[in-house]
Amino acid sequence: MSTIETLRAMSEVWSLFSDMPDDATIGVDLAALYLGVSVKTLARYRQNGDGPPYVQYQTSDSKARNQRVNYLLGDLRSWRNGHRVNSTMQAAQVRGLVFSTLSDFTCPQPFWTISNGRVIVGHALRVTDKYFKIYMKDSDYVLIWLSIEEALLKDWVWKDEREIWHLTFIELLKRMILNSITMQEKHEINKVLKDS
């Protein structure tokens, strides 16, 4: 069973989350599901100190690595809402990515698609919770991973959504061209200075 099929089968969990109070305590697995990240990513967030606050119960006989970790649903909601974005560049900044090299555009990214992956609906990080739930329940929508470069070569449902990625890509290319011109001029100047 694919990840998306598993998540669709667990769609009842989403309604469960919305019915739970902010002070409800949930385990790591459900916290990861709620945030849409892996358990491993959530552990990395804890290690780096840049994830949501968590509760760790300490007992006298437990080893530091084996202590139980839980999350308050309200903390997860607040942390998630603090990471909402309005643009591709803002998404890149929130995720710690700055599109500074061409290879940044060749790394796989999650995109919602329709028509068996032929038409892009939008980047998964820019989809609201409401539409995320709709897409998960509707088998016409499929989450695929492809590079931004590949995504820009496909048809898109929304012109404005594609334009955000297009403009970011064009800006990067312009910066790269200017940097290359600057470095070439620097090398030419250094050569002239060495020869004189």
C-alpha atoms as a PDB file:
ATOM      1  CA  MET A   1       0.000   0.000   0.000  1.00  0.00           C
ATOM      2  CA  SER A   2       1.471   3.383  -0.999  1.00  0.00           C
ATOM      3  CA  THR A   3       1.913   6.220   1.479  1.00  0.00           C
ATOM      4  CA  ILE A   4      -0.940   8.193  -0.052  1.00  0.00           C
ATOM      5  CA  GLU A   5      -3.288   5.190   0.058  1.00  0.00           C
ATOM      6  CA  THR A   6      -2.340   4.646   3.707  1.00  0.00           C
ATOM      7  CA  LEU A   7      -3.056   8.278   4.503  1.00  0.00           C
ATOM      8  CA  ARG A   8      -6.372   8.155   2.668  1.00  0.00           C
ATOM      9  CA  ALA A   9      -7.295   5.049   4.646  1.00  0.00           C
ATOM     10  CA  MET A  10      -6.555   7.014   7.811  1.00  0.00           C
ATOM     11  CA  SER A  11      -8.602  10.070   6.816  1.00  0.00           C
ATOM     12  CA  GLU A  12     -10.686   9.630   9.969  1.00  0.00           C
ATOM     13  CA  VAL A  13      -7.603  10.736  11.890  1.00  0.00           C
ATOM     14  CA  TRP A  14      -7.970  14.234  10.419  1.00  0.00           C
ATOM     15  CA  SER A  15     -11.450  14.629  11.836  1.00  0.00           C
ATOM     16  CA  LEU A  16     -10.158  13.249  15.122  1.00  0.00           C
ATOM     17  CA  PHE A  17      -7.490  15.978  15.245  1.00  0.00           C
ATOM     18  CA  SER A  18     -10.041  18.719  14.653  1.00  0.00           C
ATOM     19  CA  ASP A  19     -12.216  17.396  17.504  1.00  0.00           C
ATOM     20  CA  MET A  20      -9.353  17.190  20.004  1.00  0.00           C
ATOM     21  CA  PRO A  21      -8.657  20.071  22.443  1.00  0.00           C
ATOM     22  CA  ASP A  22      -5.359  21.967  22.396  1.00  0.00           C
ATOM     23  CA  ASP A  23      -4.212  20.358  25.642  1.00  0.00           C
ATOM     24  CA  ALA A  24      -4.575  16.813  24.265  1.00  0.00           C
ATOM     25  CA  THR A  25      -1.329  14.868  24.432  1.00  0.00           C
ATOM     26  CA  ILE A  26      -0.356  12.764  21.416  1.00  0.00           C
ATOM     27  CA  GLY A  27       2.604  10.514  20.691  1.00  0.00           C
ATOM     28  CA  VAL A  28       5.374  10.955  18.176  1.00  0.00           C
ATOM     29  CA  ASP A  29       3.707   8.891  15.426  1.00  0.00           C
ATOM     30  CA  LEU A  30       0.492  10.929  15.471  1.00  0.00           C
ATOM     31  CA  ALA A  31       2.425  14.191  15.805  1.00  0.00           C
ATOM     32  CA  ALA A  32       4.430  13.331  12.701  1.00  0.00           C
ATOM     33  CA  LEU A  33       1.246  12.433  10.828  1.00  0.00           C
ATOM     34  CA  TYR A  34      -0.421  15.674  11.915  1.00  0.00           C
ATOM     35  CA  LEU A  35       2.540  17.757  10.696  1.00  0.00           C
ATOM     36  CA  GLY A  36       2.980  15.708   7.520  1.00  0.00           C
ATOM     37  CA  VAL A  37       6.579  14.779   8.285  1.00  0.00           C
ATOM     38  CA  SER A  38       8.310  11.534   9.110  1.00  0.00           C
ATOM     39  CA  VAL A  39       9.033  10.385  12.665  1.00  0.00           C
ATOM     40  CA  LYS A  40      12.715  10.674  11.783  1.00  0.00           C
ATOM     41  CA  THR A  41      12.267  14.316  10.706  1.00  0.00           C
ATOM     42  CA  LEU A  42      10.429  15.059  13.937  1.00  0.00           C
ATOM     43  CA  ALA A  43      13.334  13.527  15.892  1.00  0.00           C
ATOM     44  CA  ARG A  44      15.746  15.735  13.953  1.00  0.00           C
ATOM     45  CA  TYR A  45      13.613  18.775  14.830  1.00  0.00           C
ATOM     46  CA  ARG A  46      13.931  17.855  18.519  1.00  0.00           C
ATOM     47  CA  GLN A  47      17.660  17.327  18.210  1.00  0.00           C
ATOM     48  CA  ASN A  48      18.216  20.641  16.404  1.00  0.00           C
ATOM     49  CA  GLY A  49      15.789  22.565  18.612  1.00  0.00           C
ATOM     50  CA  ASP A  50      13.856  24.024  15.682  1.00  0.00           C
ATOM     51  CA  GLY A  51      10.682  21.954  15.913  1.00  0.00           C
ATOM     52  CA  PRO A  52       7.537  22.287  17.972  1.00  0.00           C
ATOM     53  CA  PRO A  53       7.762  22.185  21.779  1.00  0.00           C
ATOM     54  CA  TYR A  54       7.418  18.704  23.248  1.00  0.00           C
ATOM     55  CA  VAL A  55       6.905  17.032  26.581  1.00  0.00           C
ATOM     56  CA  GLN A  56       9.486  14.539  27.777  1.00  0.00           C
ATOM     57  CA  TYR A  57       8.751  12.519  30.889  1.00  0.00           C
ATOM     58  CA  GLN A  58      11.809  11.678  32.893  1.00  0.00           C
ATOM     59  CA  THR A  59      12.014   8.673  35.170  1.00  0.00           C
ATOM     60  CA  SER A  60      14.883   7.735  37.388  1.00  0.00           C
ATOM     61  CA  ASP A  61      15.504   4.385  35.700  1.00  0.00           C
ATOM     62  CA  SER A  62      15.225   5.495  32.059  1.00  0.00           C
ATOM     63  CA  LYS A  63      18.157   6.253  29.844  1.00  0.00           C
ATOM     64  CA  ALA A  64      18.183   9.684  28.193  1.00  0.00           C
ATOM     65  CA  ARG A  65      17.638   8.195  24.745  1.00  0.00           C
ATOM     66  CA  ASN A  66      14.709   6.036  25.841  1.00  0.00           C
ATOM     67  CA  GLN A  67      12.527   8.686  27.474  1.00  0.00           C
ATOM     68  CA  ARG A  68       8.988   8.984  26.166  1.00  0.00           C
ATOM     69  CA  VAL A  69       8.240  12.051  24.044  1.00  0.00           C
ATOM     70  CA  ASN A  70       4.755  13.484  23.586  1.00  0.00           C
ATOM     71  CA  TYR A  71       3.336  16.631  22.058  1.00  0.00           C
ATOM     72  CA  LEU A  72       0.447  18.886  23.030  1.00  0.00           C
ATOM     73  CA  LEU A  73      -1.850  19.276  20.035  1.00  0.00           C
ATOM     74  CA  GLY A  74      -2.094  23.032  20.645  1.00  0.00           C
ATOM     75  CA  ASP A  75       1.699  23.352  20.359  1.00  0.00           C
ATOM     76  CA  LEU A  76       1.641  21.416  17.082  1.00  0.00           C
ATOM     77  CA  ARG A  77      -1.149  23.631  15.733  1.00  0.00           C
ATOM     78  CA  SER A  78       0.708  26.812  16.703  1.00  0.00           C
ATOM     79  CA  TRP A  79       4.016  25.595  15.265  1.00  0.00           C
ATOM     80  CA  ARG A  80       2.387  24.456  12.021  1.00  0.00           C
ATOM     81  CA  ASN A  81       0.480  27.721  11.633  1.00  0.00           C
ATOM     82  CA  GLY A  82       3.714  29.638  12.189  1.00  0.00           C
ATOM     83  CA  HIS A  83       5.134  27.890   9.124  1.00  0.00           C
ATOM     84  CA  ARG A  84       2.383  28.841   6.673  1.00  0.00           C
ATOM     85  CA  VAL A  85       3.725  30.552   3.601  1.00  0.00           C
ATOM     86  CA  ASN A  86       2.427  32.800   0.847  1.00  0.00           C
ATOM     87  CA  SER A  87       5.129  32.400  -1.760  1.00  0.00           C
ATOM     88  CA  THR A  88       7.669  29.922  -3.010  1.00  0.00           C
ATOM     89  CA  MET A  89      10.518  32.087  -1.759  1.00  0.00           C
ATOM     90  CA  GLN A  90       8.932  32.311   1.679  1.00  0.00           C
ATOM     91  CA  ALA A  91       8.485  28.523   1.656  1.00  0.00           C
ATOM     92  CA  ALA A  92      12.144  28.148   0.811  1.00  0.00           C
ATOM     93  CA  GLN A  93      13.133  30.441   3.667  1.00  0.00           C
ATOM     94  CA  VAL A  94      10.883  28.640   6.166  1.00  0.00           C
ATOM     95  CA  ARG A  95      12.337  25.291   5.137  1.00  0.00           C
ATOM     96  CA  GLY A  96      15.858  26.667   5.292  1.00  0.00           C
ATOM     97  CA  LEU A  97      16.229  26.457   1.547  1.00  0.00           C
ATOM     98  CA  VAL A  98      17.306  29.401  -0.495  1.00  0.00           C
ATOM     99  CA  PHE A  99      17.263  28.785  -4.190  1.00  0.00           C
ATOM    100  CA  SER A 100      20.828  29.863  -4.727  1.00  0.00           C
ATOM    101  CA  THR A 101      22.040  27.207  -7.153  1.00  0.00           C
ATOM    102  CA  LEU A 102      20.577  25.487 -10.151  1.00  0.00           C
ATOM    103  CA  SER A 103      20.796  22.162  -8.332  1.00  0.00           C
ATOM    104  CA  ASP A 104      18.205  23.478  -5.821  1.00  0.00           C
ATOM    105  CA  PHE A 105      15.686  23.269  -8.665  1.00  0.00           C
ATOM    106  CA  THR A 106      16.614  19.681  -9.501  1.00  0.00           C
ATOM    107  CA  CYS A 107      15.889  18.244  -6.032  1.00  0.00           C
ATOM    108  CA  PRO A 108      12.557  16.387  -5.856  1.00  0.00           C
ATOM    109  CA  GLN A 109       9.685  18.353  -4.332  1.00  0.00           C
ATOM    110  CA  PRO A 110       6.125  17.173  -3.462  1.00  0.00           C
ATOM    111  CA  PHE A 111       3.455  18.324  -5.932  1.00  0.00           C
ATOM    112  CA  TRP A 112      -0.269  17.533  -6.024  1.00  0.00           C
ATOM    113  CA  THR A 113      -1.363  16.396  -9.479  1.00  0.00           C
ATOM    114  CA  ILE A 114      -4.448  15.236 -11.362  1.00  0.00           C
ATOM    115  CA  SER A 115      -4.914  13.263 -14.573  1.00  0.00           C
ATOM    116  CA  ASN A 116      -2.518  10.518 -13.493  1.00  0.00           C
ATOM    117  CA  GLY A 117       0.255  12.961 -12.659  1.00  0.00           C
ATOM    118  CA  ARG A 118       0.109  14.836 -15.956  1.00  0.00           C
ATOM    119  CA  VAL A 119      -1.299  18.133 -14.633  1.00  0.00           C
ATOM    120  CA  ILE A 120       0.146  19.969 -11.617  1.00  0.00           C
ATOM    121  CA  VAL A 121      -2.317  21.372  -9.087  1.00  0.00           C
ATOM    122  CA  GLY A 122       0.319  22.930  -6.833  1.00  0.00           C
ATOM    123  CA  HIS A 123       3.211  22.424  -4.480  1.00  0.00           C
ATOM    124  CA  ALA A 124       2.228  20.402  -1.406  1.00  0.00           C
ATOM    125  CA  LEU A 125       3.672  22.999   0.988  1.00  0.00           C
ATOM    126  CA  ARG A 126       1.405  25.719  -0.396  1.00  0.00           C
ATOM    127  CA  VAL A 127      -1.853  23.794  -0.093  1.00  0.00           C
ATOM    128  CA  THR A 128      -4.182  24.829   2.738  1.00  0.00           C
ATOM    129  CA  ASP A 129      -5.322  22.242   5.276  1.00  0.00           C
ATOM    130  CA  LYS A 130      -8.807  22.313   3.775  1.00  0.00           C
ATOM    131  CA  TYR A 131      -7.594  21.393   0.307  1.00  0.00           C
ATOM    132  CA  PHE A 132      -5.002  18.960   1.651  1.00  0.00           C
ATOM    133  CA  LYS A 133      -7.840  16.965   3.236  1.00  0.00           C
ATOM    134  CA  ILE A 134      -9.875  17.136   0.024  1.00  0.00           C
ATOM    135  CA  TYR A 135      -6.948  15.971  -2.103  1.00  0.00           C
ATOM    136  CA  MET A 136      -6.197  13.084   0.256  1.00  0.00           C
ATOM    137  CA  LYS A 137      -9.763  11.803   0.136  1.00  0.00           C
ATOM    138  CA  ASP A 138     -10.176  12.165  -3.631  1.00  0.00           C
ATOM    139  CA  SER A 139      -8.376   9.460  -5.603  1.00  0.00           C
ATOM    140  CA  ASP A 140      -8.144  11.778  -8.641  1.00  0.00           C
ATOM    141  CA  TYR A 141      -5.399  13.701  -6.811  1.00  0.00           C
ATOM    142  CA  VAL A 142      -1.977  12.114  -6.542  1.00  0.00           C
ATOM    143  CA  LEU A 143       1.079  13.415  -4.694  1.00  0.00           C
ATOM    144  CA  ILE A 144       4.225  12.975  -6.767  1.00  0.00           C
ATOM    145  CA  TRP A 145       7.817  13.997  -6.221  1.00  0.00           C
ATOM    146  CA  LEU A 146       9.585  15.762  -9.037  1.00  0.00           C
ATOM    147  CA  SER A 147      12.023  18.593  -9.453  1.00  0.00           C
ATOM    148  CA  ILE A 148      10.823  22.135  -9.955  1.00  0.00           C
ATOM    149  CA  GLU A 149      12.533  22.013 -13.326  1.00  0.00           C
ATOM    150  CA  GLU A 150      10.351  19.017 -14.307  1.00  0.00           C
ATOM    151  CA  ALA A 151       7.223  20.561 -12.810  1.00  0.00           C
ATOM    152  CA  LEU A 152       7.657  23.714 -14.883  1.00  0.00           C
ATOM    153  CA  LEU A 153       7.571  21.580 -18.040  1.00  0.00           C
ATOM    154  CA  LYS A 154       4.132  20.149 -17.184  1.00  0.00           C
ATOM    155  CA  ASP A 155       0.658  21.637 -17.535  1.00  0.00           C
ATOM    156  CA  TRP A 156      -0.686  23.407 -14.445  1.00  0.00           C
ATOM    157  CA  VAL A 157      -4.264  23.910 -13.296  1.00  0.00           C
ATOM    158  CA  TRP A 158      -3.550  27.396 -11.905  1.00  0.00           C
ATOM    159  CA  LYS A 159      -1.545  29.913 -13.938  1.00  0.00           C
ATOM    160  CA  ASP A 160      -0.747  32.003 -10.845  1.00  0.00           C
ATOM    161  CA  GLU A 161       0.631  29.018  -8.948  1.00  0.00           C
ATOM    162  CA  ARG A 162       2.967  28.104 -11.801  1.00  0.00           C
ATOM    163  CA  GLU A 163       4.019  31.735 -12.218  1.00  0.00           C
ATOM    164  CA  ILE A 164       5.387  31.854  -8.661  1.00  0.00           C
ATOM    165  CA  TRP A 165       7.800  29.015  -9.431  1.00  0.00           C
ATOM    166  CA  HIS A 166       8.554  30.370 -12.901  1.00  0.00           C
ATOM    167  CA  LEU A 167       9.535  33.809 -11.546  1.00  0.00           C
ATOM    168  CA  THR A 168      11.694  32.295  -8.806  1.00  0.00           C
ATOM    169  CA  PHE A 169      13.470  30.151 -11.390  1.00  0.00           C
ATOM    170  CA  ILE A 170      14.001  33.120 -13.733  1.00  0.00           C
ATOM    171  CA  GLU A 171      15.360  35.277 -10.879  1.00  0.00           C
ATOM    172  CA  LEU A 172      17.860  32.582  -9.979  1.00  0.00           C
ATOM    173  CA  LEU A 173      18.998  32.277 -13.589  1.00  0.00           C
ATOM    174  CA  LYS A 174      19.439  36.058 -13.833  1.00  0.00           C
ATOM    175  CA  ARG A 175      21.518  36.075 -10.631  1.00  0.00           C
ATOM    176  CA  MET A 176      23.646  33.216 -11.921  1.00  0.00           C
ATOM    177  CA  ILE A 177      24.264  35.002 -15.221  1.00  0.00           C
ATOM    178  CA  LEU A 178      25.266  38.232 -13.436  1.00  0.00           C
ATOM    179  CA  ASN A 179      27.566  36.298 -11.090  1.00  0.00           C
ATOM    180  CA  SER A 180      29.212  34.549 -14.023  1.00  0.00           C
ATOM    181  CA  ILE A 181      29.698  37.862 -15.887  1.00  0.00           C
ATOM    182  CA  THR A 182      31.185  39.428 -12.741  1.00  0.00           C
ATOM    183  CA  MET A 183      33.606  36.547 -12.236  1.00  0.00           C
ATOM    184  CA  GLN A 184      34.632  36.611 -15.894  1.00  0.00           C
ATOM    185  CA  GLU A 185      35.339  40.359 -15.692  1.00  0.00           C
ATOM    186  CA  LYS A 186      37.335  39.801 -12.490  1.00  0.00           C
ATOM    187  CA  HIS A 187      39.478  37.140 -14.178  1.00  0.00           C
ATOM    188  CA  GLU A 188      40.036  39.363 -17.203  1.00  0.00           C
ATOM    189  CA  ILE A 189      41.056  42.295 -14.982  1.00  0.00           C
ATOM    190  CA  ASN A 190      43.427  40.069 -12.973  1.00  0.00           C
ATOM    191  CA  LYS A 191      45.002  38.806 -16.192  1.00  0.00           C
ATOM    192  CA  VAL A 192      45.539  42.336 -17.484  1.00  0.00           C
ATOM    193  CA  LEU A 193      47.074  43.369 -14.143  1.00  0.00           C
ATOM    194  CA  LYS A 194      49.411  40.354 -14.118  1.00  0.00           C
ATOM    195  CA  ASP A 195      50.512  40.988 -17.684  1.00  0.00           C
ATOM    196  CA  SER A 196      51.384  44.662 -17.042  1.00  0.00           C
END
